[in-house]
Amino acid sequence: MTLRVLSYNIENGGGRRLPAIARVIRQQQPDVVALLEATNRWAVVA
């Protein structure tokens, strides 16, 4: 089994870029994602 891991610095919580961040994550099809600078908990919950 291969595990696909993505590390992504979303820069200060992602803000208005969340739809673009979601598109990148979907395109990469990772099993696990580390979101760096996840300063806005509610944004990453969404």
ModelCIF file with pLDDT and N, C-alpha, C, O atoms, coordinates in Angstrom:
data_MODEL
#
_entry.id   MODEL 
#
_entity.id                         1 
_entity.type                       polymer 
_entity.pdbx_number_of_molecules   1 
#
_entity_poly.entity_id                      1 
_entity_poly.type                           'polypeptide(L)' 
_entity_poly.nstd_linkage                   no 
_entity_poly.nstd_monomer                   no 
_entity_poly.pdbx_seq_one_letter_code       MTLRVLSYNIENGGGRRLPAIARVIRQQQPDVVALLEATNRWAVVA 
_entity_poly.pdbx_seq_one_letter_code_can   MTLRVLSYNIENGGGRRLPAIARVIRQQQPDVVALLEATNRWAVVA 
_entity_poly.pdbx_strand_id                 A 
#
loop_
_entity_poly_seq.entity_id 
_entity_poly_seq.num 
_entity_poly_seq.mon_id 
_entity_poly_seq.hetero 
1 1  MET n 
1 2  THR n 
1 3  LEU n 
1 4  ARG n 
1 5  VAL n 
1 6  LEU n 
1 7  SER n 
1 8  TYR n 
1 9  ASN n 
1 10 ILE n 
1 11 GLU n 
1 12 ASN n 
1 13 GLY n 
1 14 GLY n 
1 15 GLY n 
1 16 ARG n 
1 17 ARG n 
1 18 LEU n 
1 19 PRO n 
1 20 ALA n 
1 21 ILE n 
1 22 ALA n 
1 23 ARG n 
1 24 VAL n 
1 25 ILE n 
1 26 ARG n 
1 27 GLN n 
1 28 GLN n 
1 29 GLN n 
1 30 PRO n 
1 31 ASP n 
1 32 VAL n 
1 33 VAL n 
1 34 ALA n 
1 35 LEU n 
1 36 LEU n 
1 37 GLU n 
1 38 ALA n 
1 39 THR n 
1 40 ASN n 
1 41 ARG n 
1 42 TRP n 
1 43 ALA n 
1 44 VAL n 
1 45 VAL n 
1 46 ALA n 
#
_struct_asym.id          A 
_struct_asym.entity_id   1 
#
loop_
_ma_qa_metric.id 
_ma_qa_metric.mode 
_ma_qa_metric.name 
_ma_qa_metric.software_group_id 
_ma_qa_metric.type 
1 global pLDDT . pLDDT 
2 local  pLDDT . pLDDT 
#
_ma_qa_metric_global.metric_id      1 
_ma_qa_metric_global.metric_value   95.59 
_ma_qa_metric_global.model_id       1 
_ma_qa_metric_global.ordinal_id     1 
#
loop_
_ma_qa_metric_local.label_asym_id 
_ma_qa_metric_local.label_comp_id 
_ma_qa_metric_local.label_seq_id 
_ma_qa_metric_local.metric_id 
_ma_qa_metric_local.metric_value 
_ma_qa_metric_local.model_id 
_ma_qa_metric_local.ordinal_id 
A MET 1  2 83.00 1 1  
A THR 2  2 93.00 1 2  
A LEU 3  2 95.00 1 3  
A ARG 4  2 97.00 1 4  
A VAL 5  2 97.00 1 5  
A LEU 6  2 98.00 1 6  
A SER 7  2 97.00 1 7  
A TYR 8  2 97.00 1 8  
A ASN 9  2 97.00 1 9  
A ILE 10 2 96.00 1 10 
A GLU 11 2 95.00 1 11 
A ASN 12 2 93.00 1 12 
A GLY 13 2 92.00 1 13 
A GLY 14 2 93.00 1 14 
A GLY 15 2 91.00 1 15 
A ARG 16 2 94.00 1 16 
A ARG 17 2 95.00 1 17 
A LEU 18 2 95.00 1 18 
A PRO 19 2 96.00 1 19 
A ALA 20 2 97.00 1 20 
A ILE 21 2 97.00 1 21 
A ALA 22 2 97.00 1 22 
A ARG 23 2 98.00 1 23 
A VAL 24 2 97.00 1 24 
A ILE 25 2 98.00 1 25 
A ARG 26 2 97.00 1 26 
A GLN 27 2 98.00 1 27 
A GLN 28 2 97.00 1 28 
A GLN 29 2 97.00 1 29 
A PRO 30 2 98.00 1 30 
A ASP 31 2 98.00 1 31 
A VAL 32 2 98.00 1 32 
A VAL 33 2 98.00 1 33 
A ALA 34 2 97.00 1 34 
A LEU 35 2 97.00 1 35 
A LEU 36 2 96.00 1 36 
A GLU 37 2 95.00 1 37 
A ALA 38 2 95.00 1 38 
A THR 39 2 94.00 1 39 
A ASN 40 2 94.00 1 40 
A ARG 41 2 93.00 1 41 
A TRP 42 2 94.00 1 42 
A ALA 43 2 95.00 1 43 
A VAL 44 2 96.00 1 44 
A VAL 45 2 96.00 1 45 
A ALA 46 2 96.00 1 46 
#
loop_
_atom_site.group_PDB 
_atom_site.id 
_atom_site.type_symbol 
_atom_site.label_atom_id 
_atom_site.label_alt_id 
_atom_site.label_comp_id 
_atom_site.label_asym_id 
_atom_site.label_entity_id 
_atom_site.label_seq_id 
_atom_site.pdbx_PDB_ins_code 
_atom_site.Cartn_x 
_atom_site.Cartn_y 
_atom_site.Cartn_z 
_atom_site.occupancy 
_atom_site.B_iso_or_equiv 
_atom_site.pdbx_formal_charge 
_atom_site.auth_seq_id 
_atom_site.auth_comp_id 
_atom_site.auth_asym_id 
_atom_site.auth_atom_id 
_atom_site.pdbx_PDB_model_num 
ATOM 1   N N  . MET A 1 1  ? 0.845   -1.187 0.000  1.00 83.00 ? 1  MET A N  1 
ATOM 2   C CA . MET A 1 1  ? 0.000   0.000  0.000  1.00 83.00 ? 1  MET A CA 1 
ATOM 3   C C  . MET A 1 1  ? 0.882   1.240  0.000  1.00 83.00 ? 1  MET A C  1 
ATOM 4   O O  . MET A 1 1  ? 1.860   1.310  0.745  1.00 83.00 ? 1  MET A O  1 
ATOM 5   N N  . THR A 1 2  ? 0.549   2.193  -0.814 1.00 93.00 ? 2  THR A N  1 
ATOM 6   C CA . THR A 1 2  ? 1.247   3.473  -0.873 1.00 93.00 ? 2  THR A CA 1 
ATOM 7   C C  . THR A 1 2  ? 0.412   4.521  -0.154 1.00 93.00 ? 2  THR A C  1 
ATOM 8   O O  . THR A 1 2  ? -0.795  4.630  -0.371 1.00 93.00 ? 2  THR A O  1 
ATOM 9   N N  . LEU A 1 3  ? 1.065   5.283  0.694  1.00 95.00 ? 3  LEU A N  1 
ATOM 10  C CA . LEU A 1 3  ? 0.401   6.355  1.422  1.00 95.00 ? 3  LEU A CA 1 
ATOM 11  C C  . LEU A 1 3  ? 0.813   7.684  0.798  1.00 95.00 ? 3  LEU A C  1 
ATOM 12  O O  . LEU A 1 3  ? 2.002   7.993  0.710  1.00 95.00 ? 3  LEU A O  1 
ATOM 13  N N  . ARG A 1 4  ? -0.165  8.460  0.370  1.00 97.00 ? 4  ARG A N  1 
ATOM 14  C CA . ARG A 1 4  ? 0.111   9.768  -0.226 1.00 97.00 ? 4  ARG A CA 1 
ATOM 15  C C  . ARG A 1 4  ? -0.060  10.846 0.834  1.00 97.00 ? 4  ARG A C  1 
ATOM 16  O O  . ARG A 1 4  ? -1.144  11.013 1.393  1.00 97.00 ? 4  ARG A O  1 
ATOM 17  N N  . VAL A 1 5  ? 1.023   11.580 1.109  1.00 97.00 ? 5  VAL A N  1 
ATOM 18  C CA . VAL A 1 5  ? 1.034   12.624 2.131  1.00 97.00 ? 5  VAL A CA 1 
ATOM 19  C C  . VAL A 1 5  ? 1.310   13.958 1.457  1.00 97.00 ? 5  VAL A C  1 
ATOM 20  O O  . VAL A 1 5  ? 2.206   14.067 0.619  1.00 97.00 ? 5  VAL A O  1 
ATOM 21  N N  . LEU A 1 6  ? 0.537   14.970 1.827  1.00 98.00 ? 6  LEU A N  1 
ATOM 22  C CA . LEU A 1 6  ? 0.702   16.314 1.284  1.00 98.00 ? 6  LEU A CA 1 
ATOM 23  C C  . LEU A 1 6  ? 0.941   17.282 2.430  1.00 98.00 ? 6  LEU A C  1 
ATOM 24  O O  . LEU A 1 6  ? 0.187   17.289 3.404  1.00 98.00 ? 6  LEU A O  1 
ATOM 25  N N  . SER A 1 7  ? 1.964   18.086 2.327  1.00 97.00 ? 7  SER A N  1 
ATOM 26  C CA . SER A 1 7  ? 2.215   19.171 3.276  1.00 97.00 ? 7  SER A CA 1 
ATOM 27  C C  . SER A 1 7  ? 1.886   20.476 2.557  1.00 97.00 ? 7  SER A C  1 
ATOM 28  O O  . SER A 1 7  ? 2.363   20.714 1.448  1.00 97.00 ? 7  SER A O  1 
ATOM 29  N N  . TYR A 1 8  ? 1.070   21.322 3.189  1.00 97.00 ? 8  TYR A N  1 
ATOM 30  C CA . TYR A 1 8  ? 0.587   22.524 2.508  1.00 97.00 ? 8  TYR A CA 1 
ATOM 31  C C  . TYR A 1 8  ? 0.579   23.686 3.496  1.00 97.00 ? 8  TYR A C  1 
ATOM 32  O O  . TYR A 1 8  ? -0.152  23.658 4.486  1.00 97.00 ? 8  TYR A O  1 
ATOM 33  N N  . ASN A 1 9  ? 1.390   24.703 3.229  1.00 97.00 ? 9  ASN A N  1 
ATOM 34  C CA . ASN A 1 9  ? 1.379   25.916 4.041  1.00 97.00 ? 9  ASN A CA 1 
ATOM 35  C C  . ASN A 1 9  ? 0.267   26.806 3.506  1.00 97.00 ? 9  ASN A C  1 
ATOM 36  O O  . ASN A 1 9  ? 0.393   27.402 2.436  1.00 97.00 ? 9  ASN A O  1 
ATOM 37  N N  . ILE A 1 10 ? -0.819  26.887 4.261  1.00 96.00 ? 10 ILE A N  1 
ATOM 38  C CA . ILE A 1 10 ? -1.986  27.634 3.785  1.00 96.00 ? 10 ILE A CA 1 
ATOM 39  C C  . ILE A 1 10 ? -1.916  29.121 4.123  1.00 96.00 ? 10 ILE A C  1 
ATOM 40  O O  . ILE A 1 10 ? -2.848  29.867 3.822  1.00 96.00 ? 10 ILE A O  1 
ATOM 41  N N  . GLU A 1 11 ? -0.837  29.554 4.736  1.00 95.00 ? 11 GLU A N  1 
ATOM 42  C CA . GLU A 1 11 ? -0.547  30.956 5.020  1.00 95.00 ? 11 GLU A CA 1 
ATOM 43  C C  . GLU A 1 11 ? -1.677  31.667 5.772  1.00 95.00 ? 11 GLU A C  1 
ATOM 44  O O  . GLU A 1 11 ? -2.695  32.050 5.195  1.00 95.00 ? 11 GLU A O  1 
ATOM 45  N N  . ASN A 1 12 ? -1.466  31.823 7.050  1.00 93.00 ? 12 ASN A N  1 
ATOM 46  C CA . ASN A 1 12 ? -2.397  32.558 7.917  1.00 93.00 ? 12 ASN A CA 1 
ATOM 47  C C  . ASN A 1 12 ? -3.841  32.076 7.841  1.00 93.00 ? 12 ASN A C  1 
ATOM 48  O O  . ASN A 1 12 ? -4.767  32.884 7.768  1.00 93.00 ? 12 ASN A O  1 
ATOM 49  N N  . GLY A 1 13 ? -4.026  30.787 7.857  1.00 92.00 ? 13 GLY A N  1 
ATOM 50  C CA . GLY A 1 13 ? -5.375  30.225 7.941  1.00 92.00 ? 13 GLY A CA 1 
ATOM 51  C C  . GLY A 1 13 ? -6.103  30.011 6.638  1.00 92.00 ? 13 GLY A C  1 
ATOM 52  O O  . GLY A 1 13 ? -7.183  29.421 6.630  1.00 92.00 ? 13 GLY A O  1 
ATOM 53  N N  . GLY A 1 14 ? -5.550  30.470 5.540  1.00 93.00 ? 14 GLY A N  1 
ATOM 54  C CA . GLY A 1 14 ? -6.175  30.238 4.234  1.00 93.00 ? 14 GLY A CA 1 
ATOM 55  C C  . GLY A 1 14 ? -7.130  31.313 3.784  1.00 93.00 ? 14 GLY A C  1 
ATOM 56  O O  . GLY A 1 14 ? -7.177  31.648 2.601  1.00 93.00 ? 14 GLY A O  1 
ATOM 57  N N  . GLY A 1 15 ? -7.898  31.863 4.716  1.00 91.00 ? 15 GLY A N  1 
ATOM 58  C CA . GLY A 1 15 ? -8.813  32.965 4.400  1.00 91.00 ? 15 GLY A CA 1 
ATOM 59  C C  . GLY A 1 15 ? -9.670  32.724 3.171  1.00 91.00 ? 15 GLY A C  1 
ATOM 60  O O  . GLY A 1 15 ? -10.309 31.681 3.035  1.00 91.00 ? 15 GLY A O  1 
ATOM 61  N N  . ARG A 1 16 ? -9.673  33.686 2.295  1.00 94.00 ? 16 ARG A N  1 
ATOM 62  C CA . ARG A 1 16 ? -10.493 33.623 1.072  1.00 94.00 ? 16 ARG A CA 1 
ATOM 63  C C  . ARG A 1 16 ? -9.967  32.607 0.067  1.00 94.00 ? 16 ARG A C  1 
ATOM 64  O O  . ARG A 1 16 ? -10.632 32.310 -0.925 1.00 94.00 ? 16 ARG A O  1 
ATOM 65  N N  . ARG A 1 17 ? -8.776  32.073 0.319  1.00 95.00 ? 17 ARG A N  1 
ATOM 66  C CA . ARG A 1 17 ? -8.183  31.106 -0.604 1.00 95.00 ? 17 ARG A CA 1 
ATOM 67  C C  . ARG A 1 17 ? -8.647  29.670 -0.345 1.00 95.00 ? 17 ARG A C  1 
ATOM 68  O O  . ARG A 1 17 ? -8.188  28.752 -1.026 1.00 95.00 ? 17 ARG A O  1 
ATOM 69  N N  . LEU A 1 18 ? -9.539  29.455 0.618  1.00 95.00 ? 18 LEU A N  1 
ATOM 70  C CA . LEU A 1 18 ? -9.962  28.093 0.953  1.00 95.00 ? 18 LEU A CA 1 
ATOM 71  C C  . LEU A 1 18 ? -10.512 27.316 -0.242 1.00 95.00 ? 18 LEU A C  1 
ATOM 72  O O  . LEU A 1 18 ? -10.181 26.138 -0.377 1.00 95.00 ? 18 LEU A O  1 
ATOM 73  N N  . PRO A 1 19 ? -11.331 27.903 -1.118 1.00 96.00 ? 19 PRO A N  1 
ATOM 74  C CA . PRO A 1 19 ? -11.774 27.129 -2.288 1.00 96.00 ? 19 PRO A CA 1 
ATOM 75  C C  . PRO A 1 19 ? -10.605 26.690 -3.178 1.00 96.00 ? 19 PRO A C  1 
ATOM 76  O O  . PRO A 1 19 ? -10.601 25.567 -3.681 1.00 96.00 ? 19 PRO A O  1 
ATOM 77  N N  . ALA A 1 20 ? -9.625  27.559 -3.373 1.00 97.00 ? 20 ALA A N  1 
ATOM 78  C CA . ALA A 1 20 ? -8.451  27.194 -4.179 1.00 97.00 ? 20 ALA A CA 1 
ATOM 79  C C  . ALA A 1 20 ? -7.621  26.129 -3.481 1.00 97.00 ? 20 ALA A C  1 
ATOM 80  O O  . ALA A 1 20 ? -7.106  25.217 -4.127 1.00 97.00 ? 20 ALA A O  1 
ATOM 81  N N  . ILE A 1 21 ? -7.491  26.241 -2.167 1.00 97.00 ? 21 ILE A N  1 
ATOM 82  C CA . ILE A 1 21 ? -6.754  25.238 -1.391 1.00 97.00 ? 21 ILE A CA 1 
ATOM 83  C C  . ILE A 1 21 ? -7.451  23.883 -1.510 1.00 97.00 ? 21 ILE A C  1 
ATOM 84  O O  . ILE A 1 21 ? -6.793  22.858 -1.689 1.00 97.00 ? 21 ILE A O  1 
ATOM 85  N N  . ALA A 1 22 ? -8.761  23.876 -1.413 1.00 97.00 ? 22 ALA A N  1 
ATOM 86  C CA . ALA A 1 22 ? -9.528  22.637 -1.553 1.00 97.00 ? 22 ALA A CA 1 
ATOM 87  C C  . ALA A 1 22 ? -9.319  22.015 -2.929 1.00 97.00 ? 22 ALA A C  1 
ATOM 88  O O  . ALA A 1 22 ? -9.193  20.796 -3.043 1.00 97.00 ? 22 ALA A O  1 
ATOM 89  N N  . ARG A 1 23 ? -9.283  22.840 -3.979 1.00 98.00 ? 23 ARG A N  1 
ATOM 90  C CA . ARG A 1 23 ? -9.056  22.324 -5.338 1.00 98.00 ? 23 ARG A CA 1 
ATOM 91  C C  . ARG A 1 23 ? -7.693  21.655 -5.449 1.00 98.00 ? 23 ARG A C  1 
ATOM 92  O O  . ARG A 1 23 ? -7.574  20.576 -6.030 1.00 98.00 ? 23 ARG A O  1 
ATOM 93  N N  . VAL A 1 24 ? -6.667  22.291 -4.895 1.00 97.00 ? 24 VAL A N  1 
ATOM 94  C CA . VAL A 1 24 ? -5.320  21.710 -4.955 1.00 97.00 ? 24 VAL A CA 1 
ATOM 95  C C  . VAL A 1 24 ? -5.283  20.375 -4.219 1.00 97.00 ? 24 VAL A C  1 
ATOM 96  O O  . VAL A 1 24 ? -4.712  19.403 -4.712 1.00 97.00 ? 24 VAL A O  1 
ATOM 97  N N  . ILE A 1 25 ? -5.891  20.335 -3.047 1.00 98.00 ? 25 ILE A N  1 
ATOM 98  C CA . ILE A 1 25 ? -5.896  19.086 -2.268 1.00 98.00 ? 25 ILE A CA 1 
ATOM 99  C C  . ILE A 1 25 ? -6.639  17.995 -3.040 1.00 98.00 ? 25 ILE A C  1 
ATOM 100 O O  . ILE A 1 25 ? -6.160  16.864 -3.120 1.00 98.00 ? 25 ILE A O  1 
ATOM 101 N N  . ARG A 1 26 ? -7.783  18.315 -3.598 1.00 97.00 ? 26 ARG A N  1 
ATOM 102 C CA . ARG A 1 26 ? -8.537  17.319 -4.388 1.00 97.00 ? 26 ARG A CA 1 
ATOM 103 C C  . ARG A 1 26 ? -7.718  16.818 -5.578 1.00 97.00 ? 26 ARG A C  1 
ATOM 104 O O  . ARG A 1 26 ? -7.707  15.620 -5.860 1.00 97.00 ? 26 ARG A O  1 
ATOM 105 N N  . GLN A 1 27 ? -7.040  17.716 -6.269 1.00 98.00 ? 27 GLN A N  1 
ATOM 106 C CA . GLN A 1 27 ? -6.245  17.330 -7.438 1.00 98.00 ? 27 GLN A CA 1 
ATOM 107 C C  . GLN A 1 27 ? -5.112  16.381 -7.061 1.00 98.00 ? 27 GLN A C  1 
ATOM 108 O O  . GLN A 1 27 ? -4.795  15.462 -7.815 1.00 98.00 ? 27 GLN A O  1 
ATOM 109 N N  . GLN A 1 28 ? -4.507  16.600 -5.904 1.00 97.00 ? 28 GLN A N  1 
ATOM 110 C CA . GLN A 1 28 ? -3.383  15.771 -5.477 1.00 97.00 ? 28 GLN A CA 1 
ATOM 111 C C  . GLN A 1 28 ? -3.821  14.421 -4.926 1.00 97.00 ? 28 GLN A C  1 
ATOM 112 O O  . GLN A 1 28 ? -3.019  13.489 -4.886 1.00 97.00 ? 28 GLN A O  1 
ATOM 113 N N  . GLN A 1 29 ? -5.067  14.296 -4.503 1.00 97.00 ? 29 GLN A N  1 
ATOM 114 C CA . GLN A 1 29 ? -5.646  13.067 -3.970 1.00 97.00 ? 29 GLN A CA 1 
ATOM 115 C C  . GLN A 1 29 ? -4.802  12.443 -2.845 1.00 97.00 ? 29 GLN A C  1 
ATOM 116 O O  . GLN A 1 29 ? -4.490  11.253 -2.898 1.00 97.00 ? 29 GLN A O  1 
ATOM 117 N N  . PRO A 1 30 ? -4.436  13.231 -1.837 1.00 98.00 ? 30 PRO A N  1 
ATOM 118 C CA . PRO A 1 30 ? -3.637  12.677 -0.743 1.00 98.00 ? 30 PRO A CA 1 
ATOM 119 C C  . PRO A 1 30 ? -4.492  11.858 0.221  1.00 98.00 ? 30 PRO A C  1 
ATOM 120 O O  . PRO A 1 30 ? -5.707  12.038 0.314  1.00 98.00 ? 30 PRO A O  1 
ATOM 121 N N  . ASP A 1 31 ? -3.825  10.960 0.931  1.00 98.00 ? 31 ASP A N  1 
ATOM 122 C CA . ASP A 1 31 ? -4.491  10.234 2.009  1.00 98.00 ? 31 ASP A CA 1 
ATOM 123 C C  . ASP A 1 31 ? -4.452  11.053 3.294  1.00 98.00 ? 31 ASP A C  1 
ATOM 124 O O  . ASP A 1 31 ? -5.381  11.016 4.101  1.00 98.00 ? 31 ASP A O  1 
ATOM 125 N N  . VAL A 1 32 ? -3.353  11.798 3.468  1.00 98.00 ? 32 VAL A N  1 
ATOM 126 C CA . VAL A 1 32 ? -3.135  12.604 4.668  1.00 98.00 ? 32 VAL A CA 1 
ATOM 127 C C  . VAL A 1 32 ? -2.587  13.965 4.245  1.00 98.00 ? 32 VAL A C  1 
ATOM 128 O O  . VAL A 1 32 ? -1.746  14.047 3.350  1.00 98.00 ? 32 VAL A O  1 
ATOM 129 N N  . VAL A 1 33 ? -3.064  15.028 4.887  1.00 98.00 ? 33 VAL A N  1 
ATOM 130 C CA . VAL A 1 33 ? -2.598  16.384 4.591  1.00 98.00 ? 33 VAL A CA 1 
ATOM 131 C C  . VAL A 1 33 ? -2.185  17.061 5.892  1.00 98.00 ? 33 VAL A C  1 
ATOM 132 O O  . VAL A 1 33 ? -2.936  17.054 6.867  1.00 98.00 ? 33 VAL A O  1 
ATOM 133 N N  . ALA A 1 34 ? -0.988  17.645 5.905  1.00 97.00 ? 34 ALA A N  1 
ATOM 134 C CA . ALA A 1 34 ? -0.555  18.499 7.008  1.00 97.00 ? 34 ALA A CA 1 
ATOM 135 C C  . ALA A 1 34 ? -0.754  19.942 6.554  1.00 97.00 ? 34 ALA A C  1 
ATOM 136 O O  . ALA A 1 34 ? -0.107  20.396 5.610  1.00 97.00 ? 34 ALA A O  1 
ATOM 137 N N  . LEU A 1 35 ? -1.643  20.653 7.221  1.00 97.00 ? 35 LEU A N  1 
ATOM 138 C CA . LEU A 1 35 ? -1.890  22.065 6.897  1.00 97.00 ? 35 LEU A CA 1 
ATOM 139 C C  . LEU A 1 35 ? -1.088  22.927 7.860  1.00 97.00 ? 35 LEU A C  1 
ATOM 140 O O  . LEU A 1 35 ? -1.385  22.977 9.054  1.00 97.00 ? 35 LEU A O  1 
ATOM 141 N N  . LEU A 1 36 ? -0.083  23.596 7.347  1.00 96.00 ? 36 LEU A N  1 
ATOM 142 C CA . LEU A 1 36 ? 0.757   24.475 8.153  1.00 96.00 ? 36 LEU A CA 1 
ATOM 143 C C  . LEU A 1 36 ? 0.137   25.865 8.183  1.00 96.00 ? 36 LEU A C  1 
ATOM 144 O O  . LEU A 1 36 ? -0.536  26.272 7.236  1.00 96.00 ? 36 LEU A O  1 
ATOM 145 N N  . GLU A 1 37 ? 0.364   26.586 9.266  1.00 95.00 ? 37 GLU A N  1 
ATOM 146 C CA . GLU A 1 37 ? -0.218  27.910 9.504  1.00 95.00 ? 37 GLU A CA 1 
ATOM 147 C C  . GLU A 1 37 ? -1.742  27.848 9.532  1.00 95.00 ? 37 GLU A C  1 
ATOM 148 O O  . GLU A 1 37 ? -2.418  28.719 8.985  1.00 95.00 ? 37 GLU A O  1 
ATOM 149 N N  . ALA A 1 38 ? -2.271  26.820 10.168 1.00 95.00 ? 38 ALA A N  1 
ATOM 150 C CA . ALA A 1 38 ? -3.723  26.651 10.302 1.00 95.00 ? 38 ALA A CA 1 
ATOM 151 C C  . ALA A 1 38 ? -4.208  27.527 11.463 1.00 95.00 ? 38 ALA A C  1 
ATOM 152 O O  . ALA A 1 38 ? -4.653  27.021 12.493 1.00 95.00 ? 38 ALA A O  1 
ATOM 153 N N  . THR A 1 39 ? -4.116  28.820 11.281 1.00 94.00 ? 39 THR A N  1 
ATOM 154 C CA . THR A 1 39 ? -4.405  29.771 12.351 1.00 94.00 ? 39 THR A CA 1 
ATOM 155 C C  . THR A 1 39 ? -5.901  29.948 12.630 1.00 94.00 ? 39 THR A C  1 
ATOM 156 O O  . THR A 1 39 ? -6.281  30.473 13.676 1.00 94.00 ? 39 THR A O  1 
ATOM 157 N N  . ASN A 1 40 ? -6.734  29.515 11.708 1.00 94.00 ? 40 ASN A N  1 
ATOM 158 C CA . ASN A 1 40 ? -8.181  29.655 11.869 1.00 94.00 ? 40 ASN A CA 1 
ATOM 159 C C  . ASN A 1 40 ? -8.804  28.261 11.957 1.00 94.00 ? 40 ASN A C  1 
ATOM 160 O O  . ASN A 1 40 ? -9.026  27.603 10.941 1.00 94.00 ? 40 ASN A O  1 
ATOM 161 N N  . ARG A 1 41 ? -9.079  27.828 13.169 1.00 93.00 ? 41 ARG A N  1 
ATOM 162 C CA . ARG A 1 41 ? -9.607  26.471 13.382 1.00 93.00 ? 41 ARG A CA 1 
ATOM 163 C C  . ARG A 1 41 ? -10.893 26.234 12.608 1.00 93.00 ? 41 ARG A C  1 
ATOM 164 O O  . ARG A 1 41 ? -11.072 25.167 12.021 1.00 93.00 ? 41 ARG A O  1 
ATOM 165 N N  . TRP A 1 42 ? -11.797 27.217 12.598 1.00 94.00 ? 42 TRP A N  1 
ATOM 166 C CA . TRP A 1 42 ? -13.089 27.022 11.932 1.00 94.00 ? 42 TRP A CA 1 
ATOM 167 C C  . TRP A 1 42 ? -12.927 26.883 10.426 1.00 94.00 ? 42 TRP A C  1 
ATOM 168 O O  . TRP A 1 42 ? -13.704 26.177 9.781  1.00 94.00 ? 42 TRP A O  1 
ATOM 169 N N  . ALA A 1 43 ? -11.932 27.546 9.863  1.00 95.00 ? 43 ALA A N  1 
ATOM 170 C CA . ALA A 1 43 ? -11.683 27.420 8.424  1.00 95.00 ? 43 ALA A CA 1 
ATOM 171 C C  . ALA A 1 43 ? -11.239 25.997 8.073  1.00 95.00 ? 43 ALA A C  1 
ATOM 172 O O  . ALA A 1 43 ? -11.685 25.439 7.070  1.00 95.00 ? 43 ALA A O  1 
ATOM 173 N N  . VAL A 1 44 ? -10.361 25.406 8.897  1.00 96.00 ? 44 VAL A N  1 
ATOM 174 C CA . VAL A 1 44 ? -9.906  24.044 8.584  1.00 96.00 ? 44 VAL A CA 1 
ATOM 175 C C  . VAL A 1 44 ? -10.994 23.012 8.894  1.00 96.00 ? 44 VAL A C  1 
ATOM 176 O O  . VAL A 1 44 ? -11.048 21.960 8.256  1.00 96.00 ? 44 VAL A O  1 
ATOM 177 N N  . VAL A 1 45 ? -11.859 23.306 9.867  1.00 96.00 ? 45 VAL A N  1 
ATOM 178 C CA . VAL A 1 45 ? -13.015 22.430 10.111 1.00 96.00 ? 45 VAL A CA 1 
ATOM 179 C C  . VAL A 1 45 ? -13.889 22.421 8.852  1.00 96.00 ? 45 VAL A C  1 
ATOM 180 O O  . VAL A 1 45 ? -14.301 21.357 8.390  1.00 96.00 ? 45 VAL A O  1 
ATOM 181 N N  . ALA A 1 46 ? -14.167 23.584 8.307  1.00 96.00 ? 46 ALA A N  1 
ATOM 182 C CA . ALA A 1 46 ? -14.978 23.684 7.088  1.00 96.00 ? 46 ALA A CA 1 
ATOM 183 C C  . ALA A 1 46 ? -14.291 22.987 5.916  1.00 96.00 ? 46 ALA A C  1 
ATOM 184 O O  . ALA A 1 46 ? -14.828 22.970 4.808  1.00 96.00 ? 46 ALA A O  1 
#
